[in-house]
């Protein structure tokens, strides 16, 4: 454990930078406030500070903020995701061809699921998620599938890290019994589904997903989802059609990761 308290202001600045990155071309002060809960006047000061440092630029015509190329320097030493994504790419392409809906593969990273490979390229705007997107643990099928199947000690550490998240899908951490029942249900059925609050906030309720762990025996590597349109495929029909093939490809992915010597990724 660290011998000092974290600098709250620094963490909030990073939250603002992450929100701008996630919102892409929709990063207004109001949207950043909605996602982070930080006071709007404070957000403005943080945005101006990040812009002064060269990490953001402001579009004066639309009053939106965007990250700059300098922000990429914060991740230049990170390449684990590239290796895993390269290994799994052929199976993802095959799966996409088989079922017709796009998918993501994600690794757990600090406090979220980091998308390392996606077959969403070329989809409508609402479907697009580039590698590097950080999916919230309790809002997405990627995160819930991982959380339900990881070792208890890792699960407790993850929940402690995200316990202060104010997003509506994270409120379940305040009801420990309900949370554990939900995770037990996911383990029993072998898959997770996207939280309804998250679907409404991110996709206006138009998109659903099913997620499963990528694991071999008791070794958990990552998680994988499949994304679909709710008005095309109702939730029950999606589960009937997608869960079995998703579980099958996830097992094959775990086998590929084991053959190439990739170790399970834990905290």
C-alpha atoms as a PDB file:
ATOM      1  CA  UNK A   1       0.000   0.000   0.000  1.00  0.00           C
ATOM      2  CA  UNK A   2       1.283   3.542  -0.694  1.00  0.00           C
ATOM      3  CA  UNK A   3       2.512   5.541   2.295  1.00  0.00           C
ATOM      4  CA  UNK A   4       0.739   8.707   1.172  1.00  0.00           C
ATOM      5  CA  UNK A   5      -2.723   9.787   0.155  1.00  0.00           C
ATOM      6  CA  UNK A   6      -3.351  10.214  -3.589  1.00  0.00           C
ATOM      7  CA  UNK A   7      -3.480  13.757  -4.932  1.00  0.00           C
ATOM      8  CA  UNK A   8      -7.199  14.086  -5.583  1.00  0.00           C
ATOM      9  CA  UNK A   9      -6.826  17.078  -7.904  1.00  0.00           C
ATOM     10  CA  UNK A  10      -4.378  15.152 -10.092  1.00  0.00           C
ATOM     11  CA  UNK A  11      -6.755  12.189 -10.311  1.00  0.00           C
ATOM     12  CA  UNK A  12      -9.622  14.483 -11.294  1.00  0.00           C
ATOM     13  CA  UNK A  13      -7.536  16.088 -14.044  1.00  0.00           C
ATOM     14  CA  UNK A  14      -6.849  12.612 -15.416  1.00  0.00           C
ATOM     15  CA  UNK A  15     -10.572  11.810 -15.207  1.00  0.00           C
ATOM     16  CA  UNK A  16     -11.295  14.904 -17.304  1.00  0.00           C
ATOM     17  CA  UNK A  17      -8.627  13.975 -19.866  1.00  0.00           C
ATOM     18  CA  UNK A  18     -10.043  10.437 -20.075  1.00  0.00           C
ATOM     19  CA  UNK A  19     -13.572  11.811 -20.537  1.00  0.00           C
ATOM     20  CA  UNK A  20     -12.460  14.065 -23.405  1.00  0.00           C
ATOM     21  CA  UNK A  21     -10.774  11.085 -25.050  1.00  0.00           C
ATOM     22  CA  UNK A  22     -13.861   8.891 -24.665  1.00  0.00           C
ATOM     23  CA  UNK A  23     -16.310  11.546 -25.860  1.00  0.00           C
ATOM     24  CA  UNK A  24     -14.236  12.202 -28.975  1.00  0.00           C
ATOM     25  CA  UNK A  25     -15.977  15.053 -30.836  1.00  0.00           C
ATOM     26  CA  UNK A  26     -18.728  15.450 -28.230  1.00  0.00           C
ATOM     27  CA  UNK A  27     -16.525  16.680 -25.363  1.00  0.00           C
ATOM     28  CA  UNK A  28     -18.354  19.766 -24.120  1.00  0.00           C
ATOM     29  CA  UNK A  29     -18.136  20.963 -20.530  1.00  0.00           C
ATOM     30  CA  UNK A  30     -21.700  19.754 -19.950  1.00  0.00           C
ATOM     31  CA  UNK A  31     -20.949  16.248 -21.246  1.00  0.00           C
ATOM     32  CA  UNK A  32     -17.740  15.996 -19.228  1.00  0.00           C
ATOM     33  CA  UNK A  33     -19.672  17.087 -16.123  1.00  0.00           C
ATOM     34  CA  UNK A  34     -22.347  14.472 -16.814  1.00  0.00           C
ATOM     35  CA  UNK A  35     -19.762  11.716 -17.000  1.00  0.00           C
ATOM     36  CA  UNK A  36     -17.428  12.737 -14.191  1.00  0.00           C
ATOM     37  CA  UNK A  37     -19.656  14.601 -11.729  1.00  0.00           C
ATOM     38  CA  UNK A  38     -16.958  17.267 -11.361  1.00  0.00           C
ATOM     39  CA  UNK A  39     -18.099  20.882 -10.888  1.00  0.00           C
ATOM     40  CA  UNK A  40     -18.322  22.675 -14.245  1.00  0.00           C
ATOM     41  CA  UNK A  41     -16.170  25.628 -13.172  1.00  0.00           C
ATOM     42  CA  UNK A  42     -13.484  23.178 -12.027  1.00  0.00           C
ATOM     43  CA  UNK A  43     -13.739  21.301 -15.320  1.00  0.00           C
ATOM     44  CA  UNK A  44     -13.154  24.530 -17.254  1.00  0.00           C
ATOM     45  CA  UNK A  45      -9.982  25.243 -15.262  1.00  0.00           C
ATOM     46  CA  UNK A  46      -8.735  21.695 -15.783  1.00  0.00           C
ATOM     47  CA  UNK A  47      -9.453  21.837 -19.505  1.00  0.00           C
ATOM     48  CA  UNK A  48      -7.571  25.107 -19.807  1.00  0.00           C
ATOM     49  CA  UNK A  49      -4.642  23.613 -17.889  1.00  0.00           C
ATOM     50  CA  UNK A  50      -4.537  20.526 -20.124  1.00  0.00           C
ATOM     51  CA  UNK A  51      -4.757  22.744 -23.202  1.00  0.00           C
ATOM     52  CA  UNK A  52      -1.893  24.871 -21.883  1.00  0.00           C
ATOM     53  CA  UNK A  53       0.145  21.677 -21.492  1.00  0.00           C
ATOM     54  CA  UNK A  54      -0.577  20.708 -25.094  1.00  0.00           C
ATOM     55  CA  UNK A  55      -2.740  17.669 -24.335  1.00  0.00           C
ATOM     56  CA  UNK A  56      -6.005  19.222 -25.561  1.00  0.00           C
ATOM     57  CA  UNK A  57      -7.223  21.726 -28.102  1.00  0.00           C
ATOM     58  CA  UNK A  58     -10.472  23.694 -28.033  1.00  0.00           C
ATOM     59  CA  UNK A  59     -12.662  24.225 -31.074  1.00  0.00           C
ATOM     60  CA  UNK A  60     -13.912  27.816 -30.583  1.00  0.00           C
ATOM     61  CA  UNK A  61     -16.788  27.401 -33.041  1.00  0.00           C
ATOM     62  CA  UNK A  62     -18.316  24.364 -31.335  1.00  0.00           C
ATOM     63  CA  UNK A  63     -16.927  24.822 -27.785  1.00  0.00           C
ATOM     64  CA  UNK A  64     -15.704  21.241 -27.734  1.00  0.00           C
ATOM     65  CA  UNK A  65     -12.363  19.828 -26.681  1.00  0.00           C
ATOM     66  CA  UNK A  66     -10.256  17.129 -28.330  1.00  0.00           C
ATOM     67  CA  UNK A  67      -7.066  15.342 -27.325  1.00  0.00           C
ATOM     68  CA  UNK A  68      -3.900  16.131 -29.278  1.00  0.00           C
ATOM     69  CA  UNK A  69      -1.108  13.901 -30.497  1.00  0.00           C
ATOM     70  CA  UNK A  70       0.817  14.728 -27.343  1.00  0.00           C
ATOM     71  CA  UNK A  71      -1.676  12.668 -25.350  1.00  0.00           C
ATOM     72  CA  UNK A  72      -0.425   9.597 -27.237  1.00  0.00           C
ATOM     73  CA  UNK A  73       2.960  10.016 -25.554  1.00  0.00           C
ATOM     74  CA  UNK A  74       1.340   8.832 -22.323  1.00  0.00           C
ATOM     75  CA  UNK A  75       1.003   5.317 -23.752  1.00  0.00           C
ATOM     76  CA  UNK A  76       4.095   4.834 -25.906  1.00  0.00           C
ATOM     77  CA  UNK A  77       5.590   2.174 -23.620  1.00  0.00           C
ATOM     78  CA  UNK A  78       2.467   0.010 -23.601  1.00  0.00           C
ATOM     79  CA  UNK A  79       2.308  -2.840 -26.120  1.00  0.00           C
ATOM     80  CA  UNK A  80       0.808  -5.927 -24.416  1.00  0.00           C
ATOM     81  CA  UNK A  81      -2.529  -5.200 -26.044  1.00  0.00           C
ATOM     82  CA  UNK A  82      -0.947  -5.273 -29.510  1.00  0.00           C
ATOM     83  CA  UNK A  83       0.432  -8.772 -28.992  1.00  0.00           C
ATOM     84  CA  UNK A  84      -2.852 -10.190 -27.707  1.00  0.00           C
ATOM     85  CA  UNK A  85      -4.844  -8.431 -30.428  1.00  0.00           C
ATOM     86  CA  UNK A  86      -2.585  -9.819 -33.145  1.00  0.00           C
ATOM     87  CA  UNK A  87      -2.914 -13.376 -31.835  1.00  0.00           C
ATOM     88  CA  UNK A  88      -6.702 -13.220 -31.671  1.00  0.00           C
ATOM     89  CA  UNK A  89      -7.403 -11.226 -34.846  1.00  0.00           C
ATOM     90  CA  UNK A  90      -7.932 -14.244 -37.163  1.00  0.00           C
ATOM     91  CA  UNK A  91     -10.458 -15.837 -34.797  1.00  0.00           C
ATOM     92  CA  UNK A  92     -12.277 -12.532 -34.413  1.00  0.00           C
ATOM     93  CA  UNK A  93     -12.531 -12.104 -38.175  1.00  0.00           C
ATOM     94  CA  UNK A  94     -13.813 -15.656 -38.550  1.00  0.00           C
ATOM     95  CA  UNK A  95     -16.376 -15.105 -35.804  1.00  0.00           C
ATOM     96  CA  UNK A  96     -17.587 -11.877 -37.387  1.00  0.00           C
ATOM     97  CA  UNK A  97     -18.026 -13.645 -40.697  1.00  0.00           C
ATOM     98  CA  UNK A  98     -19.933 -16.429 -38.975  1.00  0.00           C
ATOM     99  CA  UNK A  99     -22.472 -14.435 -36.960  1.00  0.00           C
ATOM    100  CA  UNK A 100     -22.604 -11.058 -38.714  1.00  0.00           C
ATOM    101  CA  UNK A 101     -22.311  -8.894 -35.578  1.00  0.00           C
ATOM    102  CA  UNK A 102     -19.170  -7.075 -34.356  1.00  0.00           C
ATOM    103  CA  UNK A 103     -17.125  -7.974 -31.276  1.00  0.00           C
ATOM    104  CA  UNK A 104     -14.480  -6.637 -28.900  1.00  0.00           C
ATOM    105  CA  UNK A 105     -11.762  -8.376 -26.903  1.00  0.00           C
ATOM    106  CA  UNK A 106     -10.587  -6.636 -23.746  1.00  0.00           C
ATOM    107  CA  UNK A 107      -7.966  -7.050 -21.020  1.00  0.00           C
ATOM    108  CA  UNK A 108      -8.448  -5.806 -17.488  1.00  0.00           C
ATOM    109  CA  UNK A 109      -6.309  -2.706 -16.888  1.00  0.00           C
ATOM    110  CA  UNK A 110      -6.168  -0.984 -13.470  1.00  0.00           C
ATOM    111  CA  UNK A 111      -9.879  -0.104 -13.152  1.00  0.00           C
ATOM    112  CA  UNK A 112     -11.509  -0.807 -16.521  1.00  0.00           C
ATOM    113  CA  UNK A 113     -11.540  -3.205 -19.454  1.00  0.00           C
ATOM    114  CA  UNK A 114      -9.100  -2.104 -22.147  1.00  0.00           C
ATOM    115  CA  UNK A 115     -10.298  -3.023 -25.649  1.00  0.00           C
ATOM    116  CA  UNK A 116      -7.315  -4.535 -27.480  1.00  0.00           C
ATOM    117  CA  UNK A 117      -9.060  -5.688 -30.646  1.00  0.00           C
ATOM    118  CA  UNK A 118     -12.374  -4.878 -32.266  1.00  0.00           C
ATOM    119  CA  UNK A 119     -14.221  -6.053 -35.353  1.00  0.00           C
ATOM    120  CA  UNK A 120     -16.442  -2.947 -35.369  1.00  0.00           C
ATOM    121  CA  UNK A 121     -14.513  -1.105 -38.075  1.00  0.00           C
ATOM    122  CA  UNK A 122     -16.811   0.190 -40.794  1.00  0.00           C
ATOM    123  CA  UNK A 123     -19.883   0.096 -38.548  1.00  0.00           C
ATOM    124  CA  UNK A 124     -22.270   3.018 -38.003  1.00  0.00           C
ATOM    125  CA  UNK A 125     -20.918   5.698 -35.631  1.00  0.00           C
ATOM    126  CA  UNK A 126     -22.744   4.323 -32.588  1.00  0.00           C
ATOM    127  CA  UNK A 127     -21.002   0.961 -33.003  1.00  0.00           C
ATOM    128  CA  UNK A 128     -17.438   2.233 -33.405  1.00  0.00           C
ATOM    129  CA  UNK A 129     -14.939   1.463 -30.646  1.00  0.00           C
ATOM    130  CA  UNK A 130     -11.254   1.634 -31.513  1.00  0.00           C
ATOM    131  CA  UNK A 131      -8.622  -0.409 -29.669  1.00  0.00           C
ATOM    132  CA  UNK A 132      -7.633   1.528 -26.568  1.00  0.00           C
ATOM    133  CA  UNK A 133     -11.224   2.228 -25.503  1.00  0.00           C
ATOM    134  CA  UNK A 134     -11.712   1.708 -21.752  1.00  0.00           C
ATOM    135  CA  UNK A 135     -14.993  -0.031 -20.962  1.00  0.00           C
ATOM    136  CA  UNK A 136     -16.341   0.360 -17.404  1.00  0.00           C
ATOM    137  CA  UNK A 137     -16.287  -2.872 -15.421  1.00  0.00           C
ATOM    138  CA  UNK A 138     -19.842  -2.747 -14.065  1.00  0.00           C
ATOM    139  CA  UNK A 139     -21.479  -1.170 -17.117  1.00  0.00           C
ATOM    140  CA  UNK A 140     -20.408  -3.553 -19.851  1.00  0.00           C
ATOM    141  CA  UNK A 141     -20.702  -7.238 -20.585  1.00  0.00           C
ATOM    142  CA  UNK A 142     -16.915  -7.264 -21.067  1.00  0.00           C
ATOM    143  CA  UNK A 143     -16.353  -6.037 -17.519  1.00  0.00           C
ATOM    144  CA  UNK A 144     -19.064  -8.080 -15.835  1.00  0.00           C
ATOM    145  CA  UNK A 145     -17.945 -11.307 -17.527  1.00  0.00           C
ATOM    146  CA  UNK A 146     -14.376 -10.693 -16.384  1.00  0.00           C
ATOM    147  CA  UNK A 147     -15.324  -9.647 -12.856  1.00  0.00           C
ATOM    148  CA  UNK A 148     -17.563 -12.670 -12.303  1.00  0.00           C
ATOM    149  CA  UNK A 149     -14.845 -15.134 -13.292  1.00  0.00           C
ATOM    150  CA  UNK A 150     -11.677 -13.633 -11.851  1.00  0.00           C
ATOM    151  CA  UNK A 151     -10.221 -14.909  -8.537  1.00  0.00           C
ATOM    152  CA  UNK A 152     -11.976 -13.622  -5.421  1.00  0.00           C
ATOM    153  CA  UNK A 153      -8.930 -11.661  -4.252  1.00  0.00           C
ATOM    154  CA  UNK A 154      -8.650  -9.883  -7.602  1.00  0.00           C
ATOM    155  CA  UNK A 155     -12.398  -9.224  -7.655  1.00  0.00           C
ATOM    156  CA  UNK A 156     -12.246  -7.609  -4.214  1.00  0.00           C
ATOM    157  CA  UNK A 157      -9.334  -5.406  -5.300  1.00  0.00           C
ATOM    158  CA  UNK A 158     -11.169  -4.339  -8.464  1.00  0.00           C
ATOM    159  CA  UNK A 159     -14.313  -3.472  -6.536  1.00  0.00           C
ATOM    160  CA  UNK A 160     -12.290  -1.433  -4.069  1.00  0.00           C
ATOM    161  CA  UNK A 161     -10.715   0.522  -6.923  1.00  0.00           C
ATOM    162  CA  UNK A 162     -14.026   1.363  -8.557  1.00  0.00           C
ATOM    163  CA  UNK A 163     -16.053   1.827  -5.370  1.00  0.00           C
ATOM    164  CA  UNK A 164     -16.008   5.633  -5.727  1.00  0.00           C
ATOM    165  CA  UNK A 165     -17.243   5.623  -9.309  1.00  0.00           C
ATOM    166  CA  UNK A 166     -20.393   7.763  -9.475  1.00  0.00           C
ATOM    167  CA  UNK A 167     -21.725   6.329 -12.749  1.00  0.00           C
ATOM    168  CA  UNK A 168     -25.276   4.914 -12.410  1.00  0.00           C
ATOM    169  CA  UNK A 169     -24.168   1.395 -13.351  1.00  0.00           C
ATOM    170  CA  UNK A 170     -21.669   1.419 -10.461  1.00  0.00           C
ATOM    171  CA  UNK A 171     -24.262   2.117  -7.764  1.00  0.00           C
ATOM    172  CA  UNK A 172     -24.648  -1.639  -7.344  1.00  0.00           C
ATOM    173  CA  UNK A 173     -21.410  -1.585  -5.316  1.00  0.00           C
ATOM    174  CA  UNK A 174     -23.458   0.016  -2.533  1.00  0.00           C
ATOM    175  CA  UNK A 175     -25.549  -3.153  -2.267  1.00  0.00           C
ATOM    176  CA  UNK A 176     -23.021  -5.930  -1.717  1.00  0.00           C
ATOM    177  CA  UNK A 177     -25.617  -8.688  -1.537  1.00  0.00           C
ATOM    178  CA  UNK A 178     -27.230  -7.698  -4.834  1.00  0.00           C
ATOM    179  CA  UNK A 179     -23.838  -7.383  -6.507  1.00  0.00           C
ATOM    180  CA  UNK A 180     -22.726 -10.853  -5.417  1.00  0.00           C
ATOM    181  CA  UNK A 181     -26.027 -12.381  -6.511  1.00  0.00           C
ATOM    182  CA  UNK A 182     -25.583 -10.806  -9.930  1.00  0.00           C
ATOM    183  CA  UNK A 183     -22.028 -12.149 -10.266  1.00  0.00           C
ATOM    184  CA  UNK A 184     -23.163 -15.620  -9.136  1.00  0.00           C
ATOM    185  CA  UNK A 185     -25.875 -15.532 -11.802  1.00  0.00           C
ATOM    186  CA  UNK A 186     -23.304 -14.610 -14.466  1.00  0.00           C
ATOM    187  CA  UNK A 187     -21.040 -17.487 -13.413  1.00  0.00           C
ATOM    188  CA  UNK A 188     -23.953 -19.925 -13.406  1.00  0.00           C
ATOM    189  CA  UNK A 189     -25.179 -18.974 -16.877  1.00  0.00           C
ATOM    190  CA  UNK A 190     -21.681 -18.442 -18.325  1.00  0.00           C
ATOM    191  CA  UNK A 191     -22.281 -14.987 -19.824  1.00  0.00           C
ATOM    192  CA  UNK A 192     -23.004 -11.363 -18.915  1.00  0.00           C
ATOM    193  CA  UNK A 193     -25.133  -8.696 -20.582  1.00  0.00           C
ATOM    194  CA  UNK A 194     -24.680  -4.941 -20.924  1.00  0.00           C
ATOM    195  CA  UNK A 195     -26.111  -2.872 -18.070  1.00  0.00           C
ATOM    196  CA  UNK A 196     -29.291  -1.049 -19.139  1.00  0.00           C
ATOM    197  CA  UNK A 197     -28.080   2.269 -17.683  1.00  0.00           C
ATOM    198  CA  UNK A 198     -24.875   2.036 -19.702  1.00  0.00           C
ATOM    199  CA  UNK A 199     -26.797   1.233 -22.887  1.00  0.00           C
ATOM    200  CA  UNK A 200     -28.991   4.297 -22.373  1.00  0.00           C
ATOM    201  CA  UNK A 201     -26.082   6.661 -21.650  1.00  0.00           C
ATOM    202  CA  UNK A 202     -23.723   5.418 -24.375  1.00  0.00           C
ATOM    203  CA  UNK A 203     -26.121   4.258 -27.081  1.00  0.00           C
ATOM    204  CA  UNK A 204     -29.548   5.755 -26.294  1.00  0.00           C
ATOM    205  CA  UNK A 205     -30.702   2.227 -25.459  1.00  0.00           C
ATOM    206  CA  UNK A 206     -30.304   1.059 -29.037  1.00  0.00           C
ATOM    207  CA  UNK A 207     -27.490  -1.430 -28.483  1.00  0.00           C
ATOM    208  CA  UNK A 208     -27.073  -4.534 -26.350  1.00  0.00           C
ATOM    209  CA  UNK A 209     -24.218  -6.944 -25.854  1.00  0.00           C
ATOM    210  CA  UNK A 210     -23.369 -10.371 -24.516  1.00  0.00           C
ATOM    211  CA  UNK A 211     -19.953 -11.018 -22.978  1.00  0.00           C
ATOM    212  CA  UNK A 212     -18.033 -14.124 -21.906  1.00  0.00           C
ATOM    213  CA  UNK A 213     -14.660 -14.756 -20.265  1.00  0.00           C
ATOM    214  CA  UNK A 214     -11.704 -15.921 -22.334  1.00  0.00           C
ATOM    215  CA  UNK A 215     -10.352 -18.592 -20.030  1.00  0.00           C
ATOM    216  CA  UNK A 216      -8.847 -22.064 -20.007  1.00  0.00           C
ATOM    217  CA  UNK A 217      -9.694 -24.235 -17.006  1.00  0.00           C
ATOM    218  CA  UNK A 218      -9.303 -21.747 -14.157  1.00  0.00           C
ATOM    219  CA  UNK A 219      -6.899 -19.403 -16.015  1.00  0.00           C
ATOM    220  CA  UNK A 220      -8.579 -16.136 -16.986  1.00  0.00           C
ATOM    221  CA  UNK A 221      -6.978 -14.125 -19.801  1.00  0.00           C
ATOM    222  CA  UNK A 222      -9.515 -11.557 -20.971  1.00  0.00           C
ATOM    223  CA  UNK A 223     -13.148 -11.196 -22.038  1.00  0.00           C
ATOM    224  CA  UNK A 224     -15.009 -10.952 -25.334  1.00  0.00           C
ATOM    225  CA  UNK A 225     -18.371  -9.570 -26.335  1.00  0.00           C
ATOM    226  CA  UNK A 226     -20.705  -9.462 -29.281  1.00  0.00           C
ATOM    227  CA  UNK A 227     -22.697  -6.298 -30.016  1.00  0.00           C
ATOM    228  CA  UNK A 228     -26.170  -6.162 -31.575  1.00  0.00           C
ATOM    229  CA  UNK A 229     -29.022  -3.749 -32.275  1.00  0.00           C
ATOM    230  CA  UNK A 230     -31.932  -4.139 -29.853  1.00  0.00           C
ATOM    231  CA  UNK A 231     -34.544  -3.331 -32.483  1.00  0.00           C
ATOM    232  CA  UNK A 232     -33.180  -6.077 -34.723  1.00  0.00           C
ATOM    233  CA  UNK A 233     -32.465  -8.763 -32.156  1.00  0.00           C
ATOM    234  CA  UNK A 234     -34.430  -8.819 -28.867  1.00  0.00           C
ATOM    235  CA  UNK A 235     -32.424  -9.734 -25.769  1.00  0.00           C
ATOM    236  CA  UNK A 236     -33.793 -13.274 -25.390  1.00  0.00           C
ATOM    237  CA  UNK A 237     -33.242 -14.044 -29.076  1.00  0.00           C
ATOM    238  CA  UNK A 238     -29.723 -12.589 -28.859  1.00  0.00           C
ATOM    239  CA  UNK A 239     -28.845 -14.903 -25.991  1.00  0.00           C
ATOM    240  CA  UNK A 240     -30.269 -17.921 -27.811  1.00  0.00           C
ATOM    241  CA  UNK A 241     -28.402 -17.136 -31.023  1.00  0.00           C
ATOM    242  CA  UNK A 242     -25.113 -15.710 -29.786  1.00  0.00           C
ATOM    243  CA  UNK A 243     -24.044 -17.212 -26.458  1.00  0.00           C
ATOM    244  CA  UNK A 244     -23.035 -20.692 -27.657  1.00  0.00           C
ATOM    245  CA  UNK A 245     -20.906 -19.518 -30.630  1.00  0.00           C
ATOM    246  CA  UNK A 246     -19.397 -16.773 -28.457  1.00  0.00           C
ATOM    247  CA  UNK A 247     -18.396 -19.277 -25.778  1.00  0.00           C
ATOM    248  CA  UNK A 248     -16.950 -21.557 -28.448  1.00  0.00           C
ATOM    249  CA  UNK A 249     -14.698 -18.897 -29.980  1.00  0.00           C
ATOM    250  CA  UNK A 250     -13.653 -17.706 -26.495  1.00  0.00           C
ATOM    251  CA  UNK A 251     -12.458 -21.234 -25.649  1.00  0.00           C
ATOM    252  CA  UNK A 252     -10.484 -21.349 -28.885  1.00  0.00           C
ATOM    253  CA  UNK A 253      -8.956 -17.955 -28.112  1.00  0.00           C
ATOM    254  CA  UNK A 254      -7.849 -19.143 -24.686  1.00  0.00           C
ATOM    255  CA  UNK A 255      -6.190 -22.119 -26.361  1.00  0.00           C
ATOM    256  CA  UNK A 256      -4.310 -19.845 -28.756  1.00  0.00           C
ATOM    257  CA  UNK A 257      -3.094 -17.637 -25.916  1.00  0.00           C
ATOM    258  CA  UNK A 258      -1.887 -20.678 -23.991  1.00  0.00           C
ATOM    259  CA  UNK A 259      -0.041 -22.087 -27.013  1.00  0.00           C
ATOM    260  CA  UNK A 260       1.845 -18.857 -27.531  1.00  0.00           C
ATOM    261  CA  UNK A 261       2.869 -18.596 -23.882  1.00  0.00           C
ATOM    262  CA  UNK A 262       0.707 -15.599 -22.920  1.00  0.00           C
ATOM    263  CA  UNK A 263       0.125 -15.711 -19.186  1.00  0.00           C
ATOM    264  CA  UNK A 264      -3.096 -14.847 -17.460  1.00  0.00           C
ATOM    265  CA  UNK A 265      -3.313 -11.137 -16.728  1.00  0.00           C
ATOM    266  CA  UNK A 266      -4.165 -10.232 -13.140  1.00  0.00           C
ATOM    267  CA  UNK A 267      -3.685  -7.290 -10.809  1.00  0.00           C
END
